[in-house]
Amino acid sequence: MEDLSGIYLPVITPFYGQEVDYESYVTLLNFYKQKDISGFIPLGTTGEIPCINDDEYERIIDITLETLDGQFPVYAGLGGNYTEKLIKRIGKFENTGIKGILSVCPYYNRPDQNGLFNHFERISESTDLDIIIYNIPYRTGVNMSNETLLALSEFKNIRGVKDSCGDMKQSLELIAQKPEGFSVLTGEDYLFYITVANGGDGGILASAHLHTDEFINVYKHLKKNNHKSALEIWRRIERIIPKLFEEPNPAPLKYCLSRLKRIRSPETRAPLGRISEALQMELDTYLSL
């Protein structure tokens, strides 16, 4: 069973005229599949999953698998806060060819730790797909404890966590305790260097749409214990990260990708909007360097 390690790209969903821009999406996939990334994650938060309808979701999965043609593992963003409904939805994608799912902790209804454990236990038992748990309490309202995560890691198809817990102490303790075969992938882009340097397995990084090769080289140098070389590269790319999250993700990133001609339009879907003129100017300055 292959490890979950390295850089995974949570792909944006391009829009044009408020429709999914499938042409730009294929262009993006073809661009990034030339990079040495570890896998693709369509239809996550960066892919604006709350604003994607069912038909669009299925077509995006089909196009992703067709374009990548088995060259990379695909983990689809597939989560929810109604366990039974989610299990039925996961069943629809069992035999599509995706490797697994990235599944967020149930949001809004804020279950306790027993509720979180039972939710993912039932998902695990319902599917043969690999599962990456997404712990992001500032979006869901509930933080999965390390104790719960480690208990869930005993299920063979719960392969890792996208860690956006927001607490570096919790993250480092999880890395120190994680069992073999269970991966800690940071979802906090600015903590990528720290995470890998302390034994984490990589990251699911929206920022890696930009400077993709540099992010990969940071990872490779750290895994070879070349910390000085990794830090030199990291210092060159880390300053763009706060700007990409200064206003709601993925709007700043889409602006950059549009300026780089990788997508036709920086459009997002409401309730997200375009970024401010002030941030546009800052990003223009950065992109011109």
C-alpha atoms as a PDB file:
ATOM      1  CA  MET A   1       0.000   0.000   0.000  1.00  0.00           C
ATOM      2  CA  GLU A   2       1.555   3.273  -1.137  1.00  0.00           C
ATOM      3  CA  ASP A   3       2.212   5.991   1.398  1.00  0.00           C
ATOM      4  CA  LEU A   4       0.363   9.271   1.428  1.00  0.00           C
ATOM      5  CA  SER A   5       3.273  11.656   1.207  1.00  0.00           C
ATOM      6  CA  GLY A   6       4.478  14.685  -0.704  1.00  0.00           C
ATOM      7  CA  ILE A   7       2.449  17.463  -2.304  1.00  0.00           C
ATOM      8  CA  TYR A   8      -1.212  16.930  -3.115  1.00  0.00           C
ATOM      9  CA  LEU A   9      -2.969  19.591  -5.183  1.00  0.00           C
ATOM     10  CA  PRO A  10      -6.505  20.605  -4.131  1.00  0.00           C
ATOM     11  CA  VAL A  11      -7.518  21.739  -7.597  1.00  0.00           C
ATOM     12  CA  ILE A  12      -9.583  24.869  -8.126  1.00  0.00           C
ATOM     13  CA  THR A  13     -12.787  24.724 -10.155  1.00  0.00           C
ATOM     14  CA  PRO A  14     -12.616  27.363 -12.910  1.00  0.00           C
ATOM     15  CA  PHE A  15     -15.773  29.226 -13.904  1.00  0.00           C
ATOM     16  CA  TYR A  16     -16.565  31.276 -16.991  1.00  0.00           C
ATOM     17  CA  GLY A  17     -19.878  33.078 -17.345  1.00  0.00           C
ATOM     18  CA  GLN A  18     -20.831  31.382 -14.052  1.00  0.00           C
ATOM     19  CA  GLU A  19     -20.641  27.951 -15.664  1.00  0.00           C
ATOM     20  CA  VAL A  20     -17.909  25.430 -14.887  1.00  0.00           C
ATOM     21  CA  ASP A  21     -15.113  26.100 -17.371  1.00  0.00           C
ATOM     22  CA  TYR A  22     -14.255  22.512 -18.229  1.00  0.00           C
ATOM     23  CA  GLU A  23     -11.807  23.580 -20.921  1.00  0.00           C
ATOM     24  CA  SER A  24      -9.719  25.567 -18.413  1.00  0.00           C
ATOM     25  CA  TYR A  25     -10.008  22.710 -15.940  1.00  0.00           C
ATOM     26  CA  VAL A  26      -8.461  20.257 -18.420  1.00  0.00           C
ATOM     27  CA  THR A  27      -5.733  22.807 -19.185  1.00  0.00           C
ATOM     28  CA  LEU A  28      -4.938  23.016 -15.468  1.00  0.00           C
ATOM     29  CA  LEU A  29      -4.789  19.256 -15.057  1.00  0.00           C
ATOM     30  CA  ASN A  30      -2.522  18.901 -18.080  1.00  0.00           C
ATOM     31  CA  PHE A  31      -0.220  21.596 -16.709  1.00  0.00           C
ATOM     32  CA  TYR A  32       0.102  20.121 -13.211  1.00  0.00           C
ATOM     33  CA  LYS A  33       0.401  16.513 -14.294  1.00  0.00           C
ATOM     34  CA  GLN A  34       3.777  17.507 -15.756  1.00  0.00           C
ATOM     35  CA  LYS A  35       4.871  18.246 -12.184  1.00  0.00           C
ATOM     36  CA  ASP A  36       6.166  15.746  -9.669  1.00  0.00           C
ATOM     37  CA  ILE A  37       3.174  16.027  -7.372  1.00  0.00           C
ATOM     38  CA  SER A  38       1.789  13.060  -5.482  1.00  0.00           C
ATOM     39  CA  GLY A  39      -1.889  13.334  -6.363  1.00  0.00           C
ATOM     40  CA  PHE A  40      -4.913  15.474  -7.138  1.00  0.00           C
ATOM     41  CA  ILE A  41      -7.835  16.414  -4.927  1.00  0.00           C
ATOM     42  CA  PRO A  42     -10.707  17.920  -6.890  1.00  0.00           C
ATOM     43  CA  LEU A  43     -13.866  19.323  -5.319  1.00  0.00           C
ATOM     44  CA  GLY A  44     -12.528  20.334  -1.945  1.00  0.00           C
ATOM     45  CA  THR A  45     -12.856  23.716  -0.283  1.00  0.00           C
ATOM     46  CA  THR A  46     -10.419  25.216  -2.810  1.00  0.00           C
ATOM     47  CA  GLY A  47     -12.614  23.692  -5.519  1.00  0.00           C
ATOM     48  CA  GLU A  48     -15.627  25.585  -4.095  1.00  0.00           C
ATOM     49  CA  ILE A  49     -17.487  22.360  -3.391  1.00  0.00           C
ATOM     50  CA  PRO A  50     -20.428  24.060  -1.600  1.00  0.00           C
ATOM     51  CA  CYS A  51     -21.289  25.762  -4.904  1.00  0.00           C
ATOM     52  CA  ILE A  52     -21.051  22.732  -7.197  1.00  0.00           C
ATOM     53  CA  ASN A  53     -24.224  20.905  -8.189  1.00  0.00           C
ATOM     54  CA  ASP A  54     -24.487  17.125  -8.515  1.00  0.00           C
ATOM     55  CA  ASP A  55     -24.237  16.995 -12.313  1.00  0.00           C
ATOM     56  CA  GLU A  56     -21.161  19.247 -12.284  1.00  0.00           C
ATOM     57  CA  TYR A  57     -19.603  17.137  -9.538  1.00  0.00           C
ATOM     58  CA  GLU A  58     -19.965  13.923 -11.515  1.00  0.00           C
ATOM     59  CA  ARG A  59     -18.654  15.489 -14.712  1.00  0.00           C
ATOM     60  CA  ILE A  60     -15.631  16.972 -12.924  1.00  0.00           C
ATOM     61  CA  ILE A  61     -14.788  13.548 -11.494  1.00  0.00           C
ATOM     62  CA  ASP A  62     -15.127  11.956 -14.933  1.00  0.00           C
ATOM     63  CA  ILE A  63     -12.947  14.603 -16.603  1.00  0.00           C
ATOM     64  CA  THR A  64     -10.329  14.387 -13.862  1.00  0.00           C
ATOM     65  CA  LEU A  65      -9.992  10.637 -14.220  1.00  0.00           C
ATOM     66  CA  GLU A  66     -10.016  10.773 -18.014  1.00  0.00           C
ATOM     67  CA  THR A  67      -7.375  13.520 -18.197  1.00  0.00           C
ATOM     68  CA  LEU A  68      -5.038  12.017 -15.605  1.00  0.00           C
ATOM     69  CA  ASP A  69      -5.502   8.543 -17.141  1.00  0.00           C
ATOM     70  CA  GLY A  70      -4.352   6.635 -14.075  1.00  0.00           C
ATOM     71  CA  GLN A  71      -1.056   8.501 -13.759  1.00  0.00           C
ATOM     72  CA  PHE A  72      -1.953  10.011 -10.368  1.00  0.00           C
ATOM     73  CA  PRO A  73      -4.191   9.009  -7.479  1.00  0.00           C
ATOM     74  CA  VAL A  74      -7.372  11.079  -7.213  1.00  0.00           C
ATOM     75  CA  TYR A  75      -9.009  11.786  -3.864  1.00  0.00           C
ATOM     76  CA  ALA A  76     -12.382  13.475  -4.290  1.00  0.00           C
ATOM     77  CA  GLY A  77     -13.702  15.962  -1.771  1.00  0.00           C
ATOM     78  CA  LEU A  78     -16.699  14.112  -0.379  1.00  0.00           C
ATOM     79  CA  GLY A  79     -17.969  15.015   3.076  1.00  0.00           C
ATOM     80  CA  GLY A  80     -21.128  15.976   4.879  1.00  0.00           C
ATOM     81  CA  ASN A  81     -22.896  16.347   8.177  1.00  0.00           C
ATOM     82  CA  TYR A  82     -25.552  13.651   7.717  1.00  0.00           C
ATOM     83  CA  THR A  83     -23.813  10.303   7.990  1.00  0.00           C
ATOM     84  CA  GLU A  84     -26.447   8.149   6.236  1.00  0.00           C
ATOM     85  CA  LYS A  85     -26.767  10.527   3.300  1.00  0.00           C
ATOM     86  CA  LEU A  86     -22.985  10.734   2.920  1.00  0.00           C
ATOM     87  CA  ILE A  87     -22.582   6.947   2.924  1.00  0.00           C
ATOM     88  CA  LYS A  88     -25.113   6.645   0.083  1.00  0.00           C
ATOM     89  CA  ARG A  89     -23.346   9.369  -1.876  1.00  0.00           C
ATOM     90  CA  ILE A  90     -19.939   7.739  -1.435  1.00  0.00           C
ATOM     91  CA  GLY A  91     -21.422   4.511  -2.778  1.00  0.00           C
ATOM     92  CA  LYS A  92     -22.139   6.222  -6.106  1.00  0.00           C
ATOM     93  CA  PHE A  93     -18.417   6.809  -6.646  1.00  0.00           C
ATOM     94  CA  GLU A  94     -17.063   3.458  -5.438  1.00  0.00           C
ATOM     95  CA  ASN A  95     -16.294   2.125  -8.912  1.00  0.00           C
ATOM     96  CA  THR A  96     -15.418   5.287 -10.792  1.00  0.00           C
ATOM     97  CA  GLY A  97     -11.664   4.931 -10.447  1.00  0.00           C
ATOM     98  CA  ILE A  98     -10.974   7.421  -7.670  1.00  0.00           C
ATOM     99  CA  LYS A  99      -8.432   6.260  -5.119  1.00  0.00           C
ATOM    100  CA  GLY A 100     -10.283   7.679  -2.182  1.00  0.00           C
ATOM    101  CA  ILE A 101     -12.012  10.630  -0.584  1.00  0.00           C
ATOM    102  CA  LEU A 102     -11.077  13.672   1.447  1.00  0.00           C
ATOM    103  CA  SER A 103     -13.875  13.875   3.991  1.00  0.00           C
ATOM    104  CA  VAL A 104     -14.358  16.824   6.306  1.00  0.00           C
ATOM    105  CA  CYS A 105     -15.496  16.507   9.903  1.00  0.00           C
ATOM    106  CA  PRO A 106     -19.263  17.043  10.140  1.00  0.00           C
ATOM    107  CA  TYR A 107     -20.000  20.754  10.231  1.00  0.00           C
ATOM    108  CA  TYR A 108     -22.699  22.896  11.815  1.00  0.00           C
ATOM    109  CA  ASN A 109     -24.224  20.174  14.013  1.00  0.00           C
ATOM    110  CA  ARG A 110     -20.920  19.963  15.957  1.00  0.00           C
ATOM    111  CA  PRO A 111     -20.800  16.359  17.198  1.00  0.00           C
ATOM    112  CA  ASP A 112     -18.682  15.436  20.207  1.00  0.00           C
ATOM    113  CA  GLN A 113     -15.664  13.112  19.910  1.00  0.00           C
ATOM    114  CA  ASN A 114     -17.851  10.005  20.100  1.00  0.00           C
ATOM    115  CA  GLY A 115     -20.001  11.392  17.312  1.00  0.00           C
ATOM    116  CA  LEU A 116     -16.933  12.121  15.180  1.00  0.00           C
ATOM    117  CA  PHE A 117     -15.546   8.643  15.765  1.00  0.00           C
ATOM    118  CA  ASN A 118     -18.855   6.955  14.926  1.00  0.00           C
ATOM    119  CA  HIS A 119     -19.268   9.063  11.775  1.00  0.00           C
ATOM    120  CA  PHE A 120     -15.905   8.018  10.307  1.00  0.00           C
ATOM    121  CA  GLU A 121     -16.167   4.466  11.626  1.00  0.00           C
ATOM    122  CA  ARG A 122     -19.394   3.994   9.688  1.00  0.00           C
ATOM    123  CA  ILE A 123     -17.935   5.594   6.566  1.00  0.00           C
ATOM    124  CA  SER A 124     -14.885   3.335   6.791  1.00  0.00           C
ATOM    125  CA  GLU A 125     -17.023   0.228   7.157  1.00  0.00           C
ATOM    126  CA  SER A 126     -19.226   1.236   4.221  1.00  0.00           C
ATOM    127  CA  THR A 127     -16.519   1.626   1.561  1.00  0.00           C
ATOM    128  CA  ASP A 128     -13.276   0.192   0.237  1.00  0.00           C
ATOM    129  CA  LEU A 129     -12.125   3.654  -0.821  1.00  0.00           C
ATOM    130  CA  ASP A 130      -9.224   5.213   1.052  1.00  0.00           C
ATOM    131  CA  ILE A 131     -10.205   8.000   3.426  1.00  0.00           C
ATOM    132  CA  ILE A 132      -8.314  11.151   4.357  1.00  0.00           C
ATOM    133  CA  ILE A 133      -9.989  12.893   7.277  1.00  0.00           C
ATOM    134  CA  TYR A 134     -10.106  16.683   7.040  1.00  0.00           C
ATOM    135  CA  ASN A 135      -9.867  18.341  10.441  1.00  0.00           C
ATOM    136  CA  ILE A 136     -10.541  22.066  10.098  1.00  0.00           C
ATOM    137  CA  PRO A 137     -12.344  23.348  13.193  1.00  0.00           C
ATOM    138  CA  TYR A 138     -12.460  26.994  12.133  1.00  0.00           C
ATOM    139  CA  ARG A 139     -14.793  25.921   9.305  1.00  0.00           C
ATOM    140  CA  THR A 140     -16.690  23.077  10.995  1.00  0.00           C
ATOM    141  CA  GLY A 141     -16.973  24.290  14.598  1.00  0.00           C
ATOM    142  CA  VAL A 142     -15.482  21.087  16.046  1.00  0.00           C
ATOM    143  CA  ASN A 143     -11.886  19.961  16.528  1.00  0.00           C
ATOM    144  CA  MET A 144     -11.114  16.256  16.259  1.00  0.00           C
ATOM    145  CA  SER A 145      -8.744  15.351  19.074  1.00  0.00           C
ATOM    146  CA  ASN A 146      -5.545  13.426  18.510  1.00  0.00           C
ATOM    147  CA  GLU A 147      -6.977  10.626  20.637  1.00  0.00           C
ATOM    148  CA  THR A 148      -9.921  10.263  18.245  1.00  0.00           C
ATOM    149  CA  LEU A 149      -7.695  10.495  15.161  1.00  0.00           C
ATOM    150  CA  LEU A 150      -5.333   7.844  16.467  1.00  0.00           C
ATOM    151  CA  ALA A 151      -8.246   5.541  17.275  1.00  0.00           C
ATOM    152  CA  LEU A 152      -9.585   6.011  13.739  1.00  0.00           C
ATOM    153  CA  SER A 153      -6.139   5.335  12.271  1.00  0.00           C
ATOM    154  CA  GLU A 154      -6.629   1.687  13.214  1.00  0.00           C
ATOM    155  CA  PHE A 155      -9.165   1.296  10.402  1.00  0.00           C
ATOM    156  CA  LYS A 156      -7.266   0.020   7.367  1.00  0.00           C
ATOM    157  CA  ASN A 157      -8.757   2.456   4.861  1.00  0.00           C
ATOM    158  CA  ILE A 158      -8.435   5.580   7.029  1.00  0.00           C
ATOM    159  CA  ARG A 159      -5.067   6.532   5.631  1.00  0.00           C
ATOM    160  CA  GLY A 160      -4.344   9.978   7.017  1.00  0.00           C
ATOM    161  CA  VAL A 161      -5.486  13.440   7.973  1.00  0.00           C
ATOM    162  CA  LYS A 162      -5.449  16.812   6.321  1.00  0.00           C
ATOM    163  CA  ASP A 163      -4.465  18.690   9.438  1.00  0.00           C
ATOM    164  CA  SER A 164      -5.820  22.218   9.709  1.00  0.00           C
ATOM    165  CA  CYS A 165      -6.490  22.094  13.432  1.00  0.00           C
ATOM    166  CA  GLY A 166      -4.913  25.517  13.964  1.00  0.00           C
ATOM    167  CA  ASP A 167      -2.911  24.377  16.991  1.00  0.00           C
ATOM    168  CA  MET A 168       0.766  23.704  16.318  1.00  0.00           C
ATOM    169  CA  LYS A 169       1.171  21.879  19.629  1.00  0.00           C
ATOM    170  CA  GLN A 170      -1.638  19.486  18.712  1.00  0.00           C
ATOM    171  CA  SER A 171      -0.155  18.975  15.245  1.00  0.00           C
ATOM    172  CA  LEU A 172       3.356  18.213  16.515  1.00  0.00           C
ATOM    173  CA  GLU A 173       2.018  15.813  19.140  1.00  0.00           C
ATOM    174  CA  LEU A 174       0.021  14.012  16.443  1.00  0.00           C
ATOM    175  CA  ILE A 175       3.103  13.686  14.227  1.00  0.00           C
ATOM    176  CA  ALA A 176       5.076  12.264  17.162  1.00  0.00           C
ATOM    177  CA  GLN A 177       2.381   9.665  17.906  1.00  0.00           C
ATOM    178  CA  LYS A 178       1.173   8.697  14.438  1.00  0.00           C
ATOM    179  CA  PRO A 179       1.417   4.980  13.676  1.00  0.00           C
ATOM    180  CA  GLU A 180       3.102   3.523  10.632  1.00  0.00           C
ATOM    181  CA  GLY A 181       0.893   3.785   7.580  1.00  0.00           C
ATOM    182  CA  PHE A 182      -1.036   6.820   8.819  1.00  0.00           C
ATOM    183  CA  SER A 183      -0.074  10.157   7.269  1.00  0.00           C
ATOM    184  CA  VAL A 184      -0.236  13.695   8.594  1.00  0.00           C
ATOM    185  CA  LEU A 185      -0.583  16.122   5.695  1.00  0.00           C
ATOM    186  CA  THR A 186      -0.813  19.761   6.640  1.00  0.00           C
ATOM    187  CA  GLY A 187      -3.623  21.826   5.203  1.00  0.00           C
ATOM    188  CA  GLU A 188      -2.108  25.028   6.570  1.00  0.00           C
ATOM    189  CA  ASP A 189       0.139  26.109   3.740  1.00  0.00           C
ATOM    190  CA  TYR A 190       2.294  28.390   5.882  1.00  0.00           C
ATOM    191  CA  LEU A 191       3.090  25.445   8.194  1.00  0.00           C
ATOM    192  CA  PHE A 192       4.308  23.172   5.414  1.00  0.00           C
ATOM    193  CA  TYR A 193       8.019  23.581   6.143  1.00  0.00           C
ATOM    194  CA  ILE A 194       7.556  23.160   9.904  1.00  0.00           C
ATOM    195  CA  THR A 195       5.313  20.122   9.455  1.00  0.00           C
ATOM    196  CA  VAL A 196       7.675  18.190   7.185  1.00  0.00           C
ATOM    197  CA  ALA A 197      10.777  19.239   9.133  1.00  0.00           C
ATOM    198  CA  ASN A 198       9.190  17.708  12.231  1.00  0.00           C
ATOM    199  CA  GLY A 199       8.327  14.403  10.605  1.00  0.00           C
ATOM    200  CA  GLY A 200       5.037  15.142   8.866  1.00  0.00           C
ATOM    201  CA  ASP A 201       4.310  13.506   5.551  1.00  0.00           C
ATOM    202  CA  GLY A 202       3.612  16.484   3.308  1.00  0.00           C
ATOM    203  CA  GLY A 203       0.743  18.789   2.535  1.00  0.00           C
ATOM    204  CA  ILE A 204      -2.516  19.351   0.690  1.00  0.00           C
ATOM    205  CA  LEU A 205      -1.665  22.858  -0.416  1.00  0.00           C
ATOM    206  CA  ALA A 206      -3.712  25.342  -2.430  1.00  0.00           C
ATOM    207  CA  SER A 207      -0.608  27.538  -2.665  1.00  0.00           C
ATOM    208  CA  ALA A 208       1.153  24.813  -4.638  1.00  0.00           C
ATOM    209  CA  HIS A 209      -0.802  25.952  -7.703  1.00  0.00           C
ATOM    210  CA  LEU A 210       1.996  28.558  -7.730  1.00  0.00           C
ATOM    211  CA  HIS A 211       5.710  27.688  -7.405  1.00  0.00           C
ATOM    212  CA  THR A 212       4.794  24.016  -7.667  1.00  0.00           C
ATOM    213  CA  ASP A 213       8.354  22.875  -8.354  1.00  0.00           C
ATOM    214  CA  GLU A 214       9.682  24.869  -5.415  1.00  0.00           C
ATOM    215  CA  PHE A 215       7.173  23.324  -2.998  1.00  0.00           C
ATOM    216  CA  ILE A 216       8.167  19.881  -4.236  1.00  0.00           C
ATOM    217  CA  ASN A 217      11.866  20.683  -3.854  1.00  0.00           C
ATOM    218  CA  VAL A 218      11.357  21.893  -0.290  1.00  0.00           C
ATOM    219  CA  TYR A 219       9.760  18.542   0.473  1.00  0.00           C
ATOM    220  CA  LYS A 220      12.509  16.543  -1.246  1.00  0.00           C
ATOM    221  CA  HIS A 221      15.327  18.431   0.482  1.00  0.00           C
ATOM    222  CA  LEU A 222      13.705  18.000   3.890  1.00  0.00           C
ATOM    223  CA  LYS A 223      13.270  14.273   3.347  1.00  0.00           C
ATOM    224  CA  LYS A 224      16.999  14.072   2.605  1.00  0.00           C
ATOM    225  CA  ASN A 225      17.757  16.127   5.745  1.00  0.00           C
ATOM    226  CA  ASN A 226      19.041  18.995   3.595  1.00  0.00           C
ATOM    227  CA  HIS A 227      17.370  21.530   5.864  1.00  0.00           C
ATOM    228  CA  LYS A 228      19.529  24.464   4.833  1.00  0.00           C
ATOM    229  CA  SER A 229      18.746  24.019   1.130  1.00  0.00           C
ATOM    230  CA  ALA A 230      15.062  23.494   1.904  1.00  0.00           C
ATOM    231  CA  LEU A 231      14.930  26.659   3.993  1.00  0.00           C
ATOM    232  CA  GLU A 232      16.582  28.729   1.278  1.00  0.00           C
ATOM    233  CA  ILE A 233      13.871  27.691  -1.182  1.00  0.00           C
ATOM    234  CA  TRP A 234      11.135  28.116   1.406  1.00  0.00           C
ATOM    235  CA  ARG A 235      12.178  31.692   2.172  1.00  0.00           C
ATOM    236  CA  ARG A 236      11.707  32.565  -1.500  1.00  0.00           C
ATOM    237  CA  ILE A 237       8.160  31.260  -1.741  1.00  0.00           C
ATOM    238  CA  GLU A 238       6.633  31.597   1.720  1.00  0.00           C
ATOM    239  CA  ARG A 239       5.837  35.315   1.432  1.00  0.00           C
ATOM    240  CA  ILE A 240       3.149  34.755  -1.208  1.00  0.00           C
ATOM    241  CA  ILE A 241       1.181  32.408   1.066  1.00  0.00           C
ATOM    242  CA  PRO A 242      -0.402  35.028   3.389  1.00  0.00           C
ATOM    243  CA  LYS A 243      -1.521  37.035   0.350  1.00  0.00           C
ATOM    244  CA  LEU A 244      -3.335  34.014  -1.087  1.00  0.00           C
ATOM    245  CA  PHE A 245      -5.423  33.780   2.084  1.00  0.00           C
ATOM    246  CA  GLU A 246      -5.758  37.478   2.907  1.00  0.00           C
ATOM    247  CA  GLU A 247      -9.184  37.349   1.290  1.00  0.00           C
ATOM    248  CA  PRO A 248     -11.379  34.247   1.000  1.00  0.00           C
ATOM    249  CA  ASN A 249      -9.758  31.266  -0.724  1.00  0.00           C
ATOM    250  CA  PRO A 250      -9.683  30.558  -3.655  1.00  0.00           C
ATOM    251  CA  ALA A 251     -10.393  34.065  -4.983  1.00  0.00           C
ATOM    252  CA  PRO A 252      -6.798  35.398  -4.686  1.00  0.00           C
ATOM    253  CA  LEU A 253      -5.426  32.175  -6.163  1.00  0.00           C
ATOM    254  CA  LYS A 254      -7.863  32.308  -9.066  1.00  0.00           C
ATOM    255  CA  TYR A 255      -6.801  35.887  -9.735  1.00  0.00           C
ATOM    256  CA  CYS A 256      -3.162  34.763  -9.956  1.00  0.00           C
ATOM    257  CA  LEU A 257      -3.955  31.800 -12.195  1.00  0.00           C
ATOM    258  CA  SER A 258      -5.978  34.056 -14.484  1.00  0.00           C
ATOM    259  CA  ARG A 259      -3.116  36.539 -14.703  1.00  0.00           C
ATOM    260  CA  LEU A 260      -0.777  33.646 -15.543  1.00  0.00           C
ATOM    261  CA  LYS A 261      -3.210  32.584 -18.321  1.00  0.00           C
ATOM    262  CA  ARG A 262      -3.774  29.157 -16.820  1.00  0.00           C
ATOM    263  CA  ILE A 263      -7.529  29.801 -16.570  1.00  0.00           C
ATOM    264  CA  ARG A 264      -9.757  32.139 -18.568  1.00  0.00           C
ATOM    265  CA  SER A 265     -11.373  33.972 -15.686  1.00  0.00           C
ATOM    266  CA  PRO A 266     -10.845  34.593 -11.962  1.00  0.00           C
ATOM    267  CA  GLU A 267     -14.576  34.058 -11.351  1.00  0.00           C
ATOM    268  CA  THR A 268     -15.864  32.514  -8.159  1.00  0.00           C
ATOM    269  CA  ARG A 269     -19.443  31.651  -7.308  1.00  0.00           C
ATOM    270  CA  ALA A 270     -21.494  33.596  -4.794  1.00  0.00           C
ATOM    271  CA  PRO A 271     -21.243  34.079  -1.912  1.00  0.00           C
ATOM    272  CA  LEU A 272     -17.566  34.476  -2.823  1.00  0.00           C
ATOM    273  CA  GLY A 273     -16.643  37.460  -4.966  1.00  0.00           C
ATOM    274  CA  ARG A 274     -13.653  39.003  -6.670  1.00  0.00           C
ATOM    275  CA  ILE A 275     -10.756  40.236  -4.627  1.00  0.00           C
ATOM    276  CA  SER A 276     -10.190  43.879  -3.779  1.00  0.00           C
ATOM    277  CA  GLU A 277      -8.266  46.210  -6.059  1.00  0.00           C
ATOM    278  CA  ALA A 278      -5.683  46.682  -3.319  1.00  0.00           C
ATOM    279  CA  LEU A 279      -4.941  42.963  -3.191  1.00  0.00           C
ATOM    280  CA  GLN A 280      -4.931  42.762  -6.989  1.00  0.00           C
ATOM    281  CA  MET A 281      -2.182  45.361  -7.055  1.00  0.00           C
ATOM    282  CA  GLU A 282      -0.131  43.498  -4.455  1.00  0.00           C
ATOM    283  CA  LEU A 283      -0.476  40.225  -6.331  1.00  0.00           C
ATOM    284  CA  ASP A 284       0.378  41.919  -9.637  1.00  0.00           C
ATOM    285  CA  THR A 285       3.574  43.235  -8.069  1.00  0.00           C
ATOM    286  CA  TYR A 286       4.469  39.785  -6.789  1.00  0.00           C
ATOM    287  CA  LEU A 287       3.713  38.046 -10.098  1.00  0.00           C
ATOM    288  CA  SER A 288       5.869  40.550 -12.012  1.00  0.00           C
ATOM    289  CA  LEU A 289       9.001  39.778  -9.970  1.00  0.00           C
END
